[in-house]
Amino acid sequence: MITSSLYNPPSEPWAYAPDASWPPTTIGQPIQPQEPDEELVQMLSEIDPDRIQHTISTLASFGTRHALSTQNSSTRGIGAARDWILAEMTNNARPANGAMTVELNSYIQGVAERISFPVNISNVVATIPGTADPDRVYVVTGHYDSRRLDVMDYTGDAPGADDDASGVAVVMEMARVVALHGAQKSTLVFAATAAEEQASYGATHLAKTLKRAGKSVEGNFNNDIVGTGKNSPFAPINDHTVRLFGASIFYPNVSSSATENEYGLIGGWNDSPAQNLGRFVSEIAAGAAEAVGMQVALIYRPDRFLRGGDHESFLEQGFPAVRFTEPVEDFLHQHQDVRVQNGTQYGDLIEFVDFDFTARVARTNLASMYSAANAPAMPRNLSISESIGFPATDRSTSLEVLSNDSQFCWNTGDDEMVAGYELVFRSTGNLQWSHVLEVGDVGSVTVNLPKDDLQFGVRSVGKDGKKSPAVFPLPAESC
């Protein structure tokens, strides 16, 4: 048991103390962001805004990439875009000497919502299997289809430069850089998905494919509308911030009503796997701030208000998933027919994309994906004991002995990458973990910290110091 004096009351405990934090504690240390290793710093330096510009410009040049547009042209339509992405990613994978494969993840979608006739839907997917834990997977996505004001208009021009050639450029540039450096400890998947604008059909097919294959997807980083940056028409311009959306446990279809009720009873609304993945991304970006150049604004909702994206397809399969989006969307240049009206240019055109900003988004993604993939797997079956503080006998017939101690248990497994574990915690009103306590290579710990006042998580620590996203504990009668 790890103990320390929890409370350090002032001499006059009723006195107002404006500089005091709550709850006061002498346990653990203020958390410090994880710093990048030399290989990651090198990889981040290789993200090239000029290549990103080339990708976005090329995709915008296909006229339309609507999911129902032509697939038998080499110059126009979603088929031309698909074939170009496939060829480009295949070429960029060559430095990996066969370690990175590139393929189409395709199926025929019948008539359905926003699909007026059967159509081939193809995701372009590059995969580099992990060297130590190949069944643990991290997936980065961006959708290559586009749309007009009328979502069923598949013949008119829809250049889709920001939405979402920018996200595809992030995916392709990350894949190119990783191919230069070779496989990492866990499997990395880079996917340009199709038919997001119709109903995320491509991402749903990909997420189900990974689920059927028995893959443990510990994170999906979805990039959708990540290009405006300094070209935003709104002041003040903040082109060094990217929004990251993370769904709560109450997101539809993610968990059973029993699990939702349990999270609700213990106040875990902001501690879903997606939100803890978001905390991880924010911490990694802060630790690599000099190399990344981007701060992450955590937003605890599934997506923009009553809107959605491809990451939700991964959430629906039970996988942690988050969405990156530029800080302020420009709706004059999103989902618009290209036109000049009353002197105003409408349309999702290349001239409204900031390639340096998009490169910073790519670095944020790459830093997060690399750090998670090379850390140990997250702790499994983490619980917080309900019985700590009660006598060992049947508590229903015994006198309750209440305590501020909290006891945690988890499965250590046989992960050779693990050196130990850390307990992280924060006050319930904080977005980010504030404190950390090293607990060693153990499967349980009891600390003199009150579960009434704090939110907790446990994360794995590798032999090289890399740390996994934290896992939130659910109640159990005992460890």
Protein backbone atom coordinates (compact mmCIF):
# COMPACT_ATOMS: atom_id res chain seq x y z
CA MET A 1 0.00 0.00 0.00
CA ILE A 2 1.27 3.45 -0.88
CA THR A 3 0.39 6.01 1.76
CA SER A 4 1.03 9.65 2.38
CA SER A 5 -0.69 12.47 4.17
CA LEU A 6 -3.59 13.34 1.90
CA TYR A 7 -4.79 16.45 3.65
CA ASN A 8 -2.62 19.36 4.61
CA PRO A 9 -5.14 21.82 6.06
CA PRO A 10 -4.17 25.41 6.82
CA SER A 11 -3.91 26.50 10.41
CA GLU A 12 -7.31 28.08 9.98
CA PRO A 13 -9.10 25.51 7.81
CA TRP A 14 -12.06 27.78 7.22
CA ALA A 15 -9.84 30.52 5.76
CA TYR A 16 -10.16 31.31 2.07
CA ALA A 17 -7.07 30.19 0.18
CA PRO A 18 -7.25 31.50 -3.43
CA ASP A 19 -4.08 29.71 -4.52
CA ALA A 20 -5.01 26.30 -3.13
CA SER A 21 -5.75 23.39 -5.44
CA TRP A 22 -8.41 20.86 -4.68
CA PRO A 23 -8.17 18.19 -3.58
CA PRO A 24 -4.80 18.83 -1.92
CA THR A 25 -2.35 15.95 -2.16
CA THR A 26 1.27 15.09 -1.54
CA ILE A 27 1.05 11.82 -3.45
CA GLY A 28 2.63 11.57 -6.87
CA GLN A 29 4.08 14.29 -9.04
CA PRO A 30 2.64 16.84 -11.46
CA ILE A 31 2.43 15.07 -14.78
CA GLN A 32 4.98 16.00 -17.44
CA PRO A 33 4.30 15.51 -21.17
CA GLN A 34 6.12 12.63 -22.84
CA GLU A 35 9.08 13.81 -24.89
CA PRO A 36 9.83 12.43 -28.36
CA ASP A 37 12.79 10.15 -29.03
CA GLU A 38 15.37 10.86 -31.74
CA GLU A 39 13.69 8.69 -34.35
CA LEU A 40 10.36 10.45 -33.91
CA VAL A 41 11.96 13.90 -34.12
CA GLN A 42 13.58 12.84 -37.40
CA MET A 43 10.29 11.46 -38.75
CA LEU A 44 8.45 14.66 -37.88
CA SER A 45 11.07 16.72 -39.70
CA GLU A 46 10.42 14.70 -42.85
CA ILE A 47 6.74 15.72 -43.11
CA ASP A 48 6.82 17.88 -46.25
CA PRO A 49 4.28 20.69 -46.86
CA ASP A 50 5.17 20.65 -50.58
CA ARG A 51 4.20 16.99 -50.89
CA ILE A 52 1.00 17.74 -49.02
CA GLN A 53 0.27 20.53 -51.49
CA HIS A 54 0.89 18.16 -54.40
CA THR A 55 -1.54 15.59 -52.99
CA ILE A 56 -4.31 18.12 -52.34
CA SER A 57 -3.84 19.79 -55.72
CA THR A 58 -3.95 16.48 -57.56
CA LEU A 59 -7.07 15.26 -55.78
CA ALA A 60 -8.85 18.59 -56.39
CA SER A 61 -7.99 18.32 -60.10
CA PHE A 62 -10.25 15.27 -60.63
CA GLY A 63 -13.28 17.58 -60.80
CA THR A 64 -15.49 15.55 -58.51
CA ARG A 65 -14.77 12.64 -56.21
CA HIS A 66 -18.40 11.97 -55.34
CA ALA A 67 -18.90 8.33 -54.29
CA LEU A 68 -21.37 7.83 -57.17
CA SER A 69 -19.25 9.55 -59.81
CA THR A 70 -17.59 7.78 -62.71
CA GLN A 71 -15.07 5.02 -62.00
CA ASN A 72 -13.86 4.36 -65.55
CA SER A 73 -12.03 7.61 -66.29
CA SER A 74 -8.37 8.32 -65.63
CA THR A 75 -8.91 12.06 -65.28
CA ARG A 76 -12.25 12.63 -63.57
CA GLY A 77 -14.30 11.09 -60.79
CA ILE A 78 -13.74 8.93 -57.76
CA GLY A 79 -12.26 6.09 -59.81
CA ALA A 80 -9.46 8.33 -61.06
CA ALA A 81 -8.80 9.54 -57.52
CA ARG A 82 -8.79 5.98 -56.17
CA ASP A 83 -6.33 4.77 -58.80
CA TRP A 84 -4.01 7.73 -58.28
CA ILE A 85 -3.97 7.27 -54.48
CA LEU A 86 -3.30 3.53 -54.91
CA ALA A 87 -0.40 4.16 -57.30
CA GLU A 88 1.08 6.94 -55.18
CA MET A 89 0.92 4.97 -51.93
CA THR A 90 2.34 1.89 -53.62
CA ASN A 91 5.28 3.91 -54.89
CA ASN A 92 5.80 5.55 -51.48
CA ALA A 93 5.77 2.13 -49.77
CA ARG A 94 8.77 0.84 -51.76
CA PRO A 95 11.44 2.02 -49.28
CA ALA A 96 9.91 -0.36 -46.72
CA ASN A 97 11.18 -3.27 -48.86
CA GLY A 98 7.92 -5.19 -48.77
CA ALA A 99 7.12 -4.52 -45.11
CA MET A 100 4.33 -2.09 -46.08
CA THR A 101 1.54 -3.48 -48.25
CA VAL A 102 -0.96 -1.35 -50.17
CA GLU A 103 -4.32 -2.71 -51.29
CA LEU A 104 -7.95 -1.88 -51.97
CA ASN A 105 -10.47 -2.72 -49.26
CA SER A 106 -13.58 -2.89 -51.48
CA TYR A 107 -17.17 -4.10 -51.63
CA ILE A 108 -20.35 -3.46 -53.60
CA GLN A 109 -22.81 -1.25 -51.74
CA GLY A 110 -26.43 -1.75 -52.74
CA VAL A 111 -29.13 0.90 -52.84
CA ALA A 112 -29.28 2.54 -49.41
CA GLU A 113 -29.24 5.91 -47.71
CA ARG A 114 -27.67 8.42 -50.14
CA ILE A 115 -26.84 5.53 -52.53
CA SER A 116 -29.21 5.55 -55.53
CA PHE A 117 -27.69 2.58 -57.39
CA PRO A 118 -25.26 -0.25 -56.54
CA VAL A 119 -21.71 1.07 -56.44
CA ASN A 120 -18.19 -0.17 -55.79
CA ILE A 121 -16.78 1.44 -52.66
CA SER A 122 -13.02 1.14 -52.24
CA ASN A 123 -10.76 2.21 -49.40
CA VAL A 124 -7.05 2.52 -50.25
CA VAL A 125 -5.20 0.94 -47.32
CA ALA A 126 -1.47 0.78 -46.52
CA THR A 127 -0.45 -1.54 -43.69
CA ILE A 128 2.89 -2.07 -41.97
CA PRO A 129 2.64 -4.96 -39.44
CA GLY A 130 4.12 -4.51 -35.98
CA THR A 131 7.33 -6.26 -35.02
CA ALA A 132 6.38 -7.02 -31.41
CA ASP A 133 2.58 -6.87 -31.19
CA PRO A 134 1.11 -7.20 -34.71
CA ASP A 135 -2.48 -7.75 -33.55
CA ARG A 136 -2.50 -4.37 -31.80
CA VAL A 137 -3.43 -1.79 -34.43
CA TYR A 138 -3.51 1.99 -34.82
CA VAL A 139 -5.41 3.40 -37.81
CA VAL A 140 -5.22 6.88 -39.35
CA THR A 141 -7.98 7.86 -41.79
CA GLY A 142 -9.07 10.62 -44.14
CA HIS A 143 -11.84 10.36 -46.75
CA TYR A 144 -11.14 10.98 -50.42
CA ASP A 145 -14.72 11.43 -51.66
CA SER A 146 -16.24 14.90 -52.04
CA ARG A 147 -19.68 16.50 -52.40
CA ARG A 148 -21.69 19.53 -53.52
CA LEU A 149 -24.60 21.34 -51.87
CA ASP A 150 -26.85 18.59 -53.17
CA VAL A 151 -25.30 15.47 -51.67
CA MET A 152 -26.80 13.36 -54.48
CA ASP A 153 -25.30 15.46 -57.30
CA TYR A 154 -22.49 13.23 -58.56
CA THR A 155 -21.78 14.94 -61.89
CA GLY A 156 -21.05 18.58 -61.01
CA ASP A 157 -17.65 19.81 -59.86
CA ALA A 158 -16.79 19.15 -56.21
CA PRO A 159 -13.04 19.77 -55.78
CA GLY A 160 -13.07 18.98 -52.04
CA ALA A 161 -9.66 20.52 -51.31
CA ASP A 162 -10.18 20.99 -47.56
CA ASP A 163 -12.99 18.43 -47.19
CA ASP A 164 -11.23 16.15 -47.33
CA ALA A 165 -8.21 16.11 -49.63
CA SER A 166 -6.42 17.70 -46.67
CA GLY A 167 -7.12 14.67 -44.49
CA VAL A 168 -6.04 12.27 -47.24
CA ALA A 169 -2.81 14.25 -47.63
CA VAL A 170 -2.16 13.77 -43.91
CA VAL A 171 -2.67 10.00 -44.26
CA MET A 172 -0.49 9.67 -47.38
CA GLU A 173 2.34 11.80 -46.04
CA MET A 174 2.41 9.84 -42.78
CA ALA A 175 2.54 6.56 -44.70
CA ARG A 176 5.39 7.85 -46.87
CA VAL A 177 7.50 8.86 -43.86
CA VAL A 178 6.84 5.65 -41.91
CA ALA A 179 7.82 3.58 -44.97
CA LEU A 180 11.22 5.28 -44.90
CA HIS A 181 11.79 4.18 -41.30
CA GLY A 182 10.27 0.71 -41.34
CA ALA A 183 7.96 -1.22 -39.06
CA GLN A 184 7.19 -0.15 -35.52
CA LYS A 185 6.29 -2.37 -32.56
CA SER A 186 2.53 -2.37 -33.28
CA THR A 187 0.71 -2.47 -36.61
CA LEU A 188 0.05 0.84 -38.37
CA VAL A 189 -2.75 1.25 -40.92
CA PHE A 190 -3.04 4.28 -43.23
CA ALA A 191 -6.43 4.44 -44.98
CA ALA A 192 -7.97 6.79 -47.53
CA THR A 193 -11.65 5.97 -47.11
CA ALA A 194 -14.56 6.39 -49.53
CA ALA A 195 -18.20 7.46 -49.26
CA GLU A 196 -17.90 9.39 -46.00
CA GLU A 197 -20.21 12.07 -47.37
CA GLN A 198 -22.86 9.48 -48.18
CA ALA A 199 -22.93 7.72 -44.79
CA SER A 200 -19.34 6.66 -43.96
CA TYR A 201 -19.78 3.41 -45.90
CA GLY A 202 -16.08 2.95 -46.58
CA ALA A 203 -14.94 3.51 -43.00
CA THR A 204 -17.66 1.23 -41.70
CA HIS A 205 -16.49 -1.54 -44.04
CA LEU A 206 -12.86 -1.04 -42.95
CA ALA A 207 -13.69 -1.03 -39.23
CA LYS A 208 -15.76 -4.21 -39.64
CA THR A 209 -12.96 -5.82 -41.64
CA LEU A 210 -10.52 -5.20 -38.77
CA LYS A 211 -13.04 -6.40 -36.21
CA ARG A 212 -13.68 -9.64 -38.12
CA ALA A 213 -9.93 -10.22 -38.37
CA GLY A 214 -9.71 -10.11 -34.57
CA LYS A 215 -7.51 -7.03 -34.51
CA SER A 216 -7.28 -4.98 -31.33
CA VAL A 217 -7.67 -1.44 -32.64
CA GLU A 218 -6.42 0.74 -29.77
CA GLY A 219 -6.89 3.97 -31.68
CA ASN A 220 -8.34 5.54 -34.82
CA PHE A 221 -7.06 9.01 -35.69
CA ASN A 222 -9.52 10.47 -38.20
CA ASN A 223 -8.60 13.62 -40.14
CA ASP A 224 -11.48 15.47 -41.74
CA ILE A 225 -11.32 19.16 -42.73
CA VAL A 226 -7.81 19.91 -41.48
CA GLY A 227 -6.58 22.45 -44.02
CA THR A 228 -7.80 26.01 -43.48
CA GLY A 229 -5.26 27.29 -40.94
CA LYS A 230 -4.16 30.83 -41.64
CA ASN A 231 -6.52 31.00 -44.64
CA SER A 232 -9.50 31.15 -42.31
CA PRO A 233 -11.62 34.26 -42.96
CA PHE A 234 -12.32 34.62 -39.24
CA ALA A 235 -10.25 36.59 -36.74
CA PRO A 236 -8.31 36.02 -34.67
CA ILE A 237 -6.42 33.44 -36.72
CA ASN A 238 -5.08 30.51 -34.72
CA ASP A 239 -3.20 28.30 -37.14
CA HIS A 240 -1.33 26.44 -34.40
CA THR A 241 -4.40 24.82 -32.85
CA VAL A 242 -6.31 21.77 -34.02
CA ARG A 243 -9.57 20.58 -32.50
CA LEU A 244 -9.84 16.98 -31.37
CA PHE A 245 -13.30 15.49 -30.77
CA GLY A 246 -13.71 12.55 -28.41
CA ALA A 247 -17.03 10.82 -27.71
CA SER A 248 -18.20 10.00 -24.21
CA ILE A 249 -19.21 6.51 -23.16
CA PHE A 250 -22.81 7.53 -23.88
CA TYR A 251 -22.17 7.68 -27.63
CA PRO A 252 -24.86 5.51 -29.31
CA ASN A 253 -24.02 1.84 -29.90
CA VAL A 254 -20.67 2.03 -28.09
CA SER A 255 -21.62 0.26 -24.89
CA SER A 256 -24.46 -1.56 -23.21
CA SER A 257 -26.96 0.36 -21.10
CA ALA A 258 -25.53 -1.42 -18.04
CA THR A 259 -22.06 -0.03 -18.78
CA GLU A 260 -23.48 3.41 -19.45
CA ASN A 261 -25.33 3.32 -16.14
CA GLU A 262 -22.16 2.29 -14.34
CA TYR A 263 -20.17 5.12 -15.91
CA GLY A 264 -22.97 7.50 -14.99
CA LEU A 265 -23.09 6.36 -11.36
CA ILE A 266 -19.36 6.95 -10.87
CA GLY A 267 -19.17 10.19 -12.88
CA GLY A 268 -17.20 8.78 -15.81
CA TRP A 269 -18.86 10.87 -18.51
CA ASN A 270 -15.50 12.29 -19.63
CA ASP A 271 -13.45 9.12 -19.25
CA SER A 272 -14.35 7.01 -22.25
CA PRO A 273 -11.58 5.22 -24.19
CA ALA A 274 -11.95 7.86 -26.93
CA GLN A 275 -11.52 10.72 -24.48
CA ASN A 276 -8.48 9.10 -22.89
CA LEU A 277 -7.04 8.65 -26.37
CA GLY A 278 -7.60 12.38 -26.84
CA ARG A 279 -5.77 13.14 -23.60
CA PHE A 280 -2.90 11.03 -24.85
CA VAL A 281 -2.74 12.96 -28.15
CA SER A 282 -2.78 16.28 -26.31
CA GLU A 283 0.04 15.19 -24.01
CA ILE A 284 2.18 13.86 -26.85
CA ALA A 285 1.72 17.08 -28.85
CA ALA A 286 2.74 19.13 -25.81
CA GLY A 287 5.84 17.02 -25.21
CA ALA A 288 6.88 17.30 -28.86
CA ALA A 289 5.81 20.94 -29.15
CA GLU A 290 9.02 22.13 -30.79
CA ALA A 291 8.85 19.48 -33.51
CA VAL A 292 5.05 19.43 -33.94
CA GLY A 293 4.15 23.11 -33.59
CA MET A 294 0.52 22.44 -32.72
CA GLN A 295 -1.62 22.53 -29.60
CA VAL A 296 -4.60 20.19 -29.31
CA ALA A 297 -7.93 21.57 -28.15
CA LEU A 298 -9.86 18.71 -26.53
CA ILE A 299 -13.60 18.78 -27.14
CA TYR A 300 -15.64 16.14 -25.34
CA ARG A 301 -18.37 15.33 -27.82
CA PRO A 302 -18.40 12.82 -30.70
CA ASP A 303 -18.06 15.46 -33.40
CA ARG A 304 -19.17 18.97 -34.23
CA PHE A 305 -22.71 19.72 -33.01
CA LEU A 306 -25.10 17.12 -34.52
CA ARG A 307 -22.56 16.25 -37.23
CA GLY A 308 -20.39 13.20 -37.82
CA GLY A 309 -17.47 11.54 -39.54
CA ASP A 310 -15.62 8.32 -40.25
CA HIS A 311 -14.27 7.89 -36.71
CA GLU A 312 -17.81 7.08 -35.61
CA SER A 313 -17.63 3.89 -37.70
CA PHE A 314 -14.76 2.78 -35.46
CA LEU A 315 -16.59 3.84 -32.30
CA GLU A 316 -19.53 1.68 -33.35
CA GLN A 317 -17.21 -1.36 -33.47
CA GLY A 318 -16.05 -0.62 -29.92
CA PHE A 319 -12.71 0.93 -30.93
CA PRO A 320 -11.36 4.18 -29.41
CA ALA A 321 -11.56 6.86 -32.12
CA VAL A 322 -11.11 10.62 -32.34
CA ARG A 323 -11.50 13.28 -35.01
CA PHE A 324 -9.10 16.08 -35.91
CA THR A 325 -10.63 19.23 -37.44
CA GLU A 326 -9.32 22.74 -38.06
CA PRO A 327 -10.02 25.29 -35.25
CA VAL A 328 -12.68 27.28 -37.15
CA GLU A 329 -14.51 25.85 -40.17
CA ASP A 330 -15.05 28.02 -43.23
CA PHE A 331 -18.53 27.17 -44.48
CA LEU A 332 -18.21 29.33 -47.61
CA HIS A 333 -15.67 26.78 -48.84
CA GLN A 334 -17.17 23.55 -47.59
CA HIS A 335 -19.99 21.51 -49.22
CA GLN A 336 -20.51 24.42 -51.61
CA ASP A 337 -21.00 24.53 -55.38
CA VAL A 338 -18.10 26.42 -56.95
CA ARG A 339 -19.41 29.87 -57.90
CA VAL A 340 -19.01 33.61 -57.40
CA GLN A 341 -22.12 35.11 -55.85
CA ASN A 342 -22.45 38.81 -54.98
CA GLY A 343 -18.69 39.14 -55.29
CA THR A 344 -17.96 36.22 -52.92
CA GLN A 345 -16.11 33.11 -54.02
CA TYR A 346 -17.77 29.88 -52.89
CA GLY A 347 -16.42 26.36 -53.20
CA ASP A 348 -13.86 24.06 -51.59
CA LEU A 349 -10.92 25.27 -53.66
CA ILE A 350 -7.18 24.72 -53.29
CA GLU A 351 -6.55 28.44 -52.74
CA PHE A 352 -8.24 28.24 -49.33
CA VAL A 353 -5.94 25.52 -47.95
CA ASP A 354 -2.89 26.23 -45.75
CA PHE A 355 -0.33 23.50 -46.48
CA ASP A 356 1.91 24.38 -43.53
CA PHE A 357 -1.04 24.01 -41.16
CA THR A 358 -1.95 20.66 -42.72
CA ALA A 359 1.66 19.55 -42.25
CA ARG A 360 1.42 20.40 -38.55
CA VAL A 361 -1.74 18.30 -38.32
CA ALA A 362 0.19 15.43 -39.94
CA ARG A 363 2.99 15.82 -37.39
CA THR A 364 0.48 15.77 -34.53
CA ASN A 365 -1.02 12.55 -35.88
CA LEU A 366 2.36 10.94 -36.51
CA ALA A 367 3.72 11.82 -33.07
CA SER A 368 0.63 10.33 -31.42
CA MET A 369 0.47 7.21 -33.60
CA TYR A 370 4.19 6.46 -33.29
CA SER A 371 4.20 7.01 -29.51
CA ALA A 372 1.19 4.78 -28.91
CA ALA A 373 2.38 2.06 -31.28
CA ASN A 374 5.79 1.81 -29.60
CA ALA A 375 4.44 1.88 -26.05
CA PRO A 376 3.13 -1.28 -24.37
CA ALA A 377 -0.52 -2.23 -24.73
CA MET A 378 -2.95 -0.50 -22.41
CA PRO A 379 -3.71 -2.26 -19.09
CA ARG A 380 -6.52 -4.82 -19.32
CA ASN A 381 -9.50 -5.37 -17.02
CA LEU A 382 -8.74 -2.40 -14.82
CA SER A 383 -11.01 -2.10 -11.79
CA ILE A 384 -11.36 0.01 -8.67
CA SER A 385 -12.43 -1.90 -5.60
CA GLU A 386 -15.79 -1.15 -4.04
CA SER A 387 -14.87 -2.94 -0.80
CA ILE A 388 -11.76 -1.07 0.30
CA GLY A 389 -12.48 0.24 3.79
CA PHE A 390 -14.93 -2.55 4.63
CA PRO A 391 -14.19 -5.53 6.88
CA ALA A 392 -13.13 -8.70 5.06
CA THR A 393 -16.31 -10.45 6.14
CA ASP A 394 -19.71 -9.98 4.47
CA ARG A 395 -20.13 -6.23 4.45
CA SER A 396 -23.92 -6.50 4.31
CA THR A 397 -23.88 -7.72 7.92
CA SER A 398 -20.80 -5.88 9.14
CA LEU A 399 -20.15 -2.41 10.36
CA GLU A 400 -18.89 -0.24 7.57
CA VAL A 401 -15.40 1.17 8.12
CA LEU A 402 -15.17 3.97 5.56
CA SER A 403 -11.83 5.07 4.17
CA ASN A 404 -10.33 7.52 1.71
CA ASP A 405 -8.08 4.77 0.34
CA SER A 406 -8.57 3.61 -3.26
CA GLN A 407 -7.50 0.20 -4.53
CA PHE A 408 -6.89 -0.64 -8.21
CA CYS A 409 -6.30 -3.99 -9.93
CA TRP A 410 -5.49 -4.93 -13.53
CA ASN A 411 -4.15 -7.78 -15.63
CA THR A 412 -0.41 -7.50 -16.19
CA GLY A 413 -0.42 -10.16 -18.93
CA ASP A 414 2.83 -11.25 -20.52
CA ASP A 415 3.71 -8.09 -22.44
CA GLU A 416 7.49 -8.12 -22.68
CA MET A 417 7.45 -4.42 -23.49
CA VAL A 418 6.19 -3.47 -20.00
CA ALA A 419 8.58 -2.12 -17.39
CA GLY A 420 5.85 -0.98 -15.01
CA TYR A 421 2.66 1.00 -14.58
CA GLU A 422 1.61 4.48 -13.53
CA LEU A 423 -1.50 5.72 -11.77
CA VAL A 424 -2.68 9.05 -13.20
CA PHE A 425 -5.33 11.24 -11.66
CA ARG A 426 -7.02 14.62 -11.84
CA SER A 427 -9.85 16.54 -10.23
CA THR A 428 -13.23 15.82 -11.79
CA GLY A 429 -13.41 19.24 -13.44
CA ASN A 430 -10.06 19.01 -15.26
CA LEU A 431 -9.84 18.04 -18.91
CA GLN A 432 -6.33 16.58 -18.62
CA TRP A 433 -4.55 14.32 -16.15
CA SER A 434 -2.70 16.49 -13.63
CA HIS A 435 -0.69 14.03 -11.48
CA VAL A 436 1.11 10.73 -11.88
CA LEU A 437 2.37 8.09 -9.44
CA GLU A 438 4.80 5.33 -10.41
CA VAL A 439 3.56 2.04 -8.95
CA GLY A 440 6.04 -0.46 -10.43
CA ASP A 441 5.60 -3.72 -12.31
CA VAL A 442 2.60 -4.84 -10.28
CA GLY A 443 -1.05 -5.72 -10.89
CA SER A 444 -2.60 -3.80 -8.01
CA VAL A 445 -2.03 -0.74 -5.87
CA THR A 446 -3.77 0.89 -2.92
CA VAL A 447 -3.30 4.61 -2.37
CA ASN A 448 -4.49 7.15 0.15
CA LEU A 449 -6.45 9.12 -2.44
CA PRO A 450 -10.23 9.63 -2.34
CA LYS A 451 -12.31 8.19 -5.19
CA ASP A 452 -15.02 10.68 -4.18
CA ASP A 453 -12.98 13.64 -5.37
CA LEU A 454 -10.71 12.38 -8.16
CA GLN A 455 -10.79 10.63 -11.51
CA PHE A 456 -8.18 7.91 -12.03
CA GLY A 457 -6.49 5.99 -14.80
CA VAL A 458 -3.68 3.47 -15.14
CA ARG A 459 -1.21 3.38 -18.02
CA SER A 460 1.55 1.01 -19.07
CA VAL A 461 5.17 2.16 -19.19
CA GLY A 462 7.68 0.56 -21.56
CA LYS A 463 11.32 -0.24 -20.95
CA ASP A 464 12.22 2.77 -23.10
CA GLY A 465 9.87 5.04 -21.14
CA LYS A 466 7.06 5.23 -23.68
CA LYS A 467 3.63 5.28 -22.08
CA SER A 468 0.27 4.01 -23.29
CA PRO A 469 -3.00 5.94 -23.19
CA ALA A 470 -4.58 5.65 -19.75
CA VAL A 471 -7.46 3.31 -18.96
CA PHE A 472 -10.34 4.34 -16.69
CA PRO A 473 -11.26 1.83 -13.94
CA LEU A 474 -14.74 0.43 -13.43
CA PRO A 475 -15.98 -0.72 -10.01
CA ALA A 476 -15.56 -4.30 -8.84
CA GLU A 477 -16.53 -5.80 -5.48
CA SER A 478 -12.89 -6.58 -4.74
CA CYS A 479 -9.55 -7.06 -6.45
